[in-house]
Amino acid sequence: MEQMIGQQAIISIFSHIFFTGVAFYALRAMTFENWIRKHHVLQAQILYIFLSIALGTMVSTFFLNISAWSRQLPYLF
């Protein structure tokens, strides 16, 4: 039982990191320069990182939930 919990934890960690990286890569396609005031580069970079983390976490949680629910489907029958 503990081994399964450990495997779930490592999969969740890698999933969150992977999807955060994908979100960071995807956000690079958007131009935020029009929304950012001059001389606020550091704040813009922090916001960019936080948006990547938030988006990556949401997508990762979605895929982890779908995976968990699909493993529970056999209990329906």
N, C-alpha and C. Protein backbone atom coordinates (compact mmCIF):
# COMPACT_ATOMS: atom_id res chain seq x y z
N MET A 1 0.82 -1.19 0.00
CA MET A 1 0.00 0.00 0.00
C MET A 1 0.87 1.26 0.00
N GLU A 2 1.93 1.26 0.84
CA GLU A 2 2.80 2.43 0.90
C GLU A 2 3.53 2.65 -0.42
N GLN A 3 3.86 1.54 -1.10
CA GLN A 3 4.56 1.66 -2.36
C GLN A 3 3.66 2.34 -3.41
N MET A 4 2.37 2.00 -3.39
CA MET A 4 1.44 2.60 -4.33
C MET A 4 1.29 4.10 -4.06
N ILE A 5 1.26 4.48 -2.79
CA ILE A 5 1.16 5.90 -2.43
C ILE A 5 2.42 6.64 -2.88
N GLY A 6 3.57 6.00 -2.72
CA GLY A 6 4.82 6.60 -3.17
C GLY A 6 4.87 6.77 -4.67
N GLN A 7 4.37 5.77 -5.40
CA GLN A 7 4.34 5.87 -6.85
C GLN A 7 3.40 6.99 -7.30
N GLN A 8 2.26 7.09 -6.63
CA GLN A 8 1.32 8.16 -6.95
C GLN A 8 1.95 9.53 -6.71
N ALA A 9 2.71 9.65 -5.63
CA ALA A 9 3.35 10.93 -5.31
C ALA A 9 4.38 11.30 -6.36
N ILE A 10 5.20 10.35 -6.78
CA ILE A 10 6.25 10.66 -7.76
C ILE A 10 5.63 10.99 -9.12
N ILE A 11 4.55 10.31 -9.48
CA ILE A 11 3.86 10.61 -10.74
C ILE A 11 3.26 12.02 -10.67
N SER A 12 2.68 12.37 -9.54
CA SER A 12 2.08 13.70 -9.38
C SER A 12 3.14 14.79 -9.46
N ILE A 13 4.28 14.58 -8.81
CA ILE A 13 5.35 15.57 -8.85
C ILE A 13 5.85 15.78 -10.28
N PHE A 14 6.13 14.69 -10.98
CA PHE A 14 6.61 14.81 -12.36
C PHE A 14 5.55 15.42 -13.27
N SER A 15 4.30 15.06 -13.06
CA SER A 15 3.22 15.61 -13.87
C SER A 15 3.11 17.12 -13.68
N HIS A 16 3.16 17.58 -12.44
CA HIS A 16 3.07 19.01 -12.18
C HIS A 16 4.26 19.76 -12.78
N ILE A 17 5.45 19.23 -12.63
CA ILE A 17 6.63 19.88 -13.19
C ILE A 17 6.57 19.90 -14.71
N PHE A 18 6.18 18.79 -15.31
CA PHE A 18 6.09 18.70 -16.77
C PHE A 18 5.08 19.71 -17.32
N PHE A 19 3.88 19.72 -16.76
CA PHE A 19 2.85 20.61 -17.29
C PHE A 19 3.13 22.07 -16.97
N THR A 20 3.84 22.35 -15.90
CA THR A 20 4.26 23.72 -15.63
C THR A 20 5.26 24.17 -16.69
N GLY A 21 6.16 23.29 -17.08
CA GLY A 21 7.10 23.61 -18.15
C GLY A 21 6.40 23.81 -19.48
N VAL A 22 5.41 22.98 -19.78
CA VAL A 22 4.66 23.14 -21.01
C VAL A 22 3.88 24.46 -21.00
N ALA A 23 3.30 24.80 -19.86
CA ALA A 23 2.57 26.07 -19.75
C ALA A 23 3.52 27.25 -19.91
N PHE A 24 4.71 27.16 -19.33
CA PHE A 24 5.70 28.22 -19.48
C PHE A 24 6.07 28.40 -20.94
N TYR A 25 6.27 27.27 -21.64
CA TYR A 25 6.59 27.30 -23.06
C TYR A 25 5.44 27.89 -23.87
N ALA A 26 4.21 27.52 -23.54
CA ALA A 26 3.04 27.99 -24.28
C ALA A 26 2.80 29.49 -24.05
N LEU A 27 3.05 29.96 -22.83
CA LEU A 27 2.83 31.37 -22.53
C LEU A 27 3.83 32.27 -23.25
N ARG A 28 4.95 31.70 -23.67
CA ARG A 28 5.94 32.50 -24.41
C ARG A 28 5.41 32.97 -25.75
N ALA A 29 4.35 32.31 -26.25
CA ALA A 29 3.77 32.69 -27.54
C ALA A 29 2.93 33.95 -27.42
N MET A 30 2.54 34.32 -26.21
CA MET A 30 1.70 35.51 -26.01
C MET A 30 2.58 36.73 -25.80
N THR A 31 2.07 37.87 -26.23
CA THR A 31 2.80 39.12 -26.02
C THR A 31 2.15 39.88 -24.87
N PHE A 32 2.86 40.00 -23.78
CA PHE A 32 2.38 40.70 -22.61
C PHE A 32 2.92 42.13 -22.53
N GLU A 33 3.73 42.52 -23.50
CA GLU A 33 4.38 43.83 -23.43
C GLU A 33 3.38 44.98 -23.39
N ASN A 34 2.24 44.81 -24.02
CA ASN A 34 1.25 45.89 -24.05
C ASN A 34 0.59 46.08 -22.69
N TRP A 35 0.59 45.06 -21.85
CA TRP A 35 -0.08 45.11 -20.55
C TRP A 35 0.86 45.54 -19.42
N ILE A 36 2.15 45.53 -19.67
CA ILE A 36 3.13 45.76 -18.62
C ILE A 36 3.59 47.22 -18.67
N ARG A 37 3.61 47.84 -17.51
CA ARG A 37 4.10 49.22 -17.44
C ARG A 37 5.62 49.22 -17.52
N LYS A 38 6.16 50.33 -17.96
CA LYS A 38 7.61 50.45 -18.09
C LYS A 38 8.26 50.37 -16.71
N HIS A 39 9.46 49.82 -16.69
CA HIS A 39 10.28 49.68 -15.49
C HIS A 39 9.67 48.73 -14.46
N HIS A 40 8.85 47.78 -14.90
CA HIS A 40 8.27 46.77 -14.01
C HIS A 40 8.58 45.37 -14.56
N VAL A 41 9.80 45.19 -15.00
CA VAL A 41 10.20 43.94 -15.63
C VAL A 41 10.22 42.80 -14.62
N LEU A 42 10.74 43.03 -13.43
CA LEU A 42 10.81 41.97 -12.42
C LEU A 42 9.43 41.49 -12.03
N GLN A 43 8.51 42.42 -11.81
CA GLN A 43 7.15 42.04 -11.47
C GLN A 43 6.49 41.25 -12.61
N ALA A 44 6.78 41.64 -13.83
CA ALA A 44 6.22 40.93 -14.99
C ALA A 44 6.77 39.51 -15.07
N GLN A 45 8.05 39.34 -14.79
CA GLN A 45 8.64 38.00 -14.81
C GLN A 45 8.06 37.12 -13.71
N ILE A 46 7.85 37.69 -12.53
CA ILE A 46 7.25 36.93 -11.44
C ILE A 46 5.81 36.53 -11.80
N LEU A 47 5.07 37.46 -12.37
CA LEU A 47 3.71 37.15 -12.80
C LEU A 47 3.70 36.05 -13.85
N TYR A 48 4.63 36.10 -14.77
CA TYR A 48 4.78 35.10 -15.83
C TYR A 48 5.03 33.72 -15.23
N ILE A 49 5.89 33.65 -14.23
CA ILE A 49 6.18 32.38 -13.56
C ILE A 49 4.95 31.88 -12.81
N PHE A 50 4.27 32.78 -12.09
CA PHE A 50 3.08 32.37 -11.34
C PHE A 50 1.96 31.90 -12.27
N LEU A 51 1.79 32.57 -13.40
CA LEU A 51 0.78 32.13 -14.37
C LEU A 51 1.12 30.75 -14.92
N SER A 52 2.40 30.50 -15.16
CA SER A 52 2.84 29.19 -15.64
C SER A 52 2.56 28.10 -14.60
N ILE A 53 2.86 28.40 -13.35
CA ILE A 53 2.62 27.43 -12.29
C ILE A 53 1.13 27.16 -12.13
N ALA A 54 0.32 28.21 -12.13
CA ALA A 54 -1.13 28.04 -11.97
C ALA A 54 -1.73 27.24 -13.12
N LEU A 55 -1.38 27.60 -14.34
CA LEU A 55 -1.91 26.90 -15.50
C LEU A 55 -1.41 25.45 -15.55
N GLY A 56 -0.13 25.25 -15.29
CA GLY A 56 0.43 23.90 -15.29
C GLY A 56 -0.19 23.02 -14.22
N THR A 57 -0.44 23.57 -13.04
CA THR A 57 -1.04 22.81 -11.96
C THR A 57 -2.48 22.42 -12.31
N MET A 58 -3.22 23.34 -12.90
CA MET A 58 -4.60 23.02 -13.28
C MET A 58 -4.66 21.91 -14.32
N VAL A 59 -3.81 21.99 -15.33
CA VAL A 59 -3.80 20.97 -16.38
C VAL A 59 -3.32 19.63 -15.81
N SER A 60 -2.31 19.65 -14.97
CA SER A 60 -1.80 18.43 -14.37
C SER A 60 -2.86 17.78 -13.48
N THR A 61 -3.55 18.58 -12.69
CA THR A 61 -4.61 18.05 -11.82
C THR A 61 -5.72 17.43 -12.66
N PHE A 62 -6.05 18.05 -13.77
CA PHE A 62 -7.07 17.49 -14.66
C PHE A 62 -6.65 16.09 -15.13
N PHE A 63 -5.42 15.96 -15.64
CA PHE A 63 -4.97 14.67 -16.14
C PHE A 63 -4.83 13.63 -15.02
N LEU A 64 -4.38 14.05 -13.86
CA LEU A 64 -4.28 13.10 -12.74
C LEU A 64 -5.65 12.65 -12.28
N ASN A 65 -6.64 13.54 -12.27
CA ASN A 65 -8.00 13.15 -11.92
C ASN A 65 -8.60 12.20 -12.93
N ILE A 66 -8.41 12.48 -14.21
CA ILE A 66 -8.91 11.58 -15.25
C ILE A 66 -8.28 10.20 -15.09
N SER A 67 -6.99 10.16 -14.81
CA SER A 67 -6.30 8.89 -14.62
C SER A 67 -6.85 8.13 -13.41
N ALA A 68 -7.07 8.82 -12.31
CA ALA A 68 -7.59 8.18 -11.10
C ALA A 68 -9.02 7.68 -11.33
N TRP A 69 -9.83 8.49 -11.97
CA TRP A 69 -11.21 8.08 -12.22
C TRP A 69 -11.29 6.90 -13.16
N SER A 70 -10.39 6.85 -14.15
CA SER A 70 -10.41 5.72 -15.08
C SER A 70 -9.99 4.42 -14.38
N ARG A 71 -9.12 4.53 -13.37
CA ARG A 71 -8.76 3.33 -12.60
C ARG A 71 -9.90 2.87 -11.70
N GLN A 72 -10.83 3.76 -11.37
CA GLN A 72 -11.96 3.41 -10.51
C GLN A 72 -13.15 2.87 -11.29
N LEU A 73 -13.15 2.98 -12.60
CA LEU A 73 -14.26 2.52 -13.41
C LEU A 73 -14.59 1.03 -13.24
N PRO A 74 -13.60 0.14 -13.09
CA PRO A 74 -13.96 -1.28 -12.92
C PRO A 74 -14.84 -1.54 -11.69
N TYR A 75 -14.79 -0.68 -10.70
CA TYR A 75 -15.62 -0.87 -9.51
C TYR A 75 -17.09 -0.57 -9.78
N LEU A 76 -17.38 0.01 -10.93
CA LEU A 76 -18.75 0.32 -11.30
C LEU A 76 -19.52 -0.95 -11.64
N PHE A 77 -18.83 -1.95 -12.15
CA PHE A 77 -19.49 -3.19 -12.59
C PHE A 77 -19.25 -4.33 -11.65
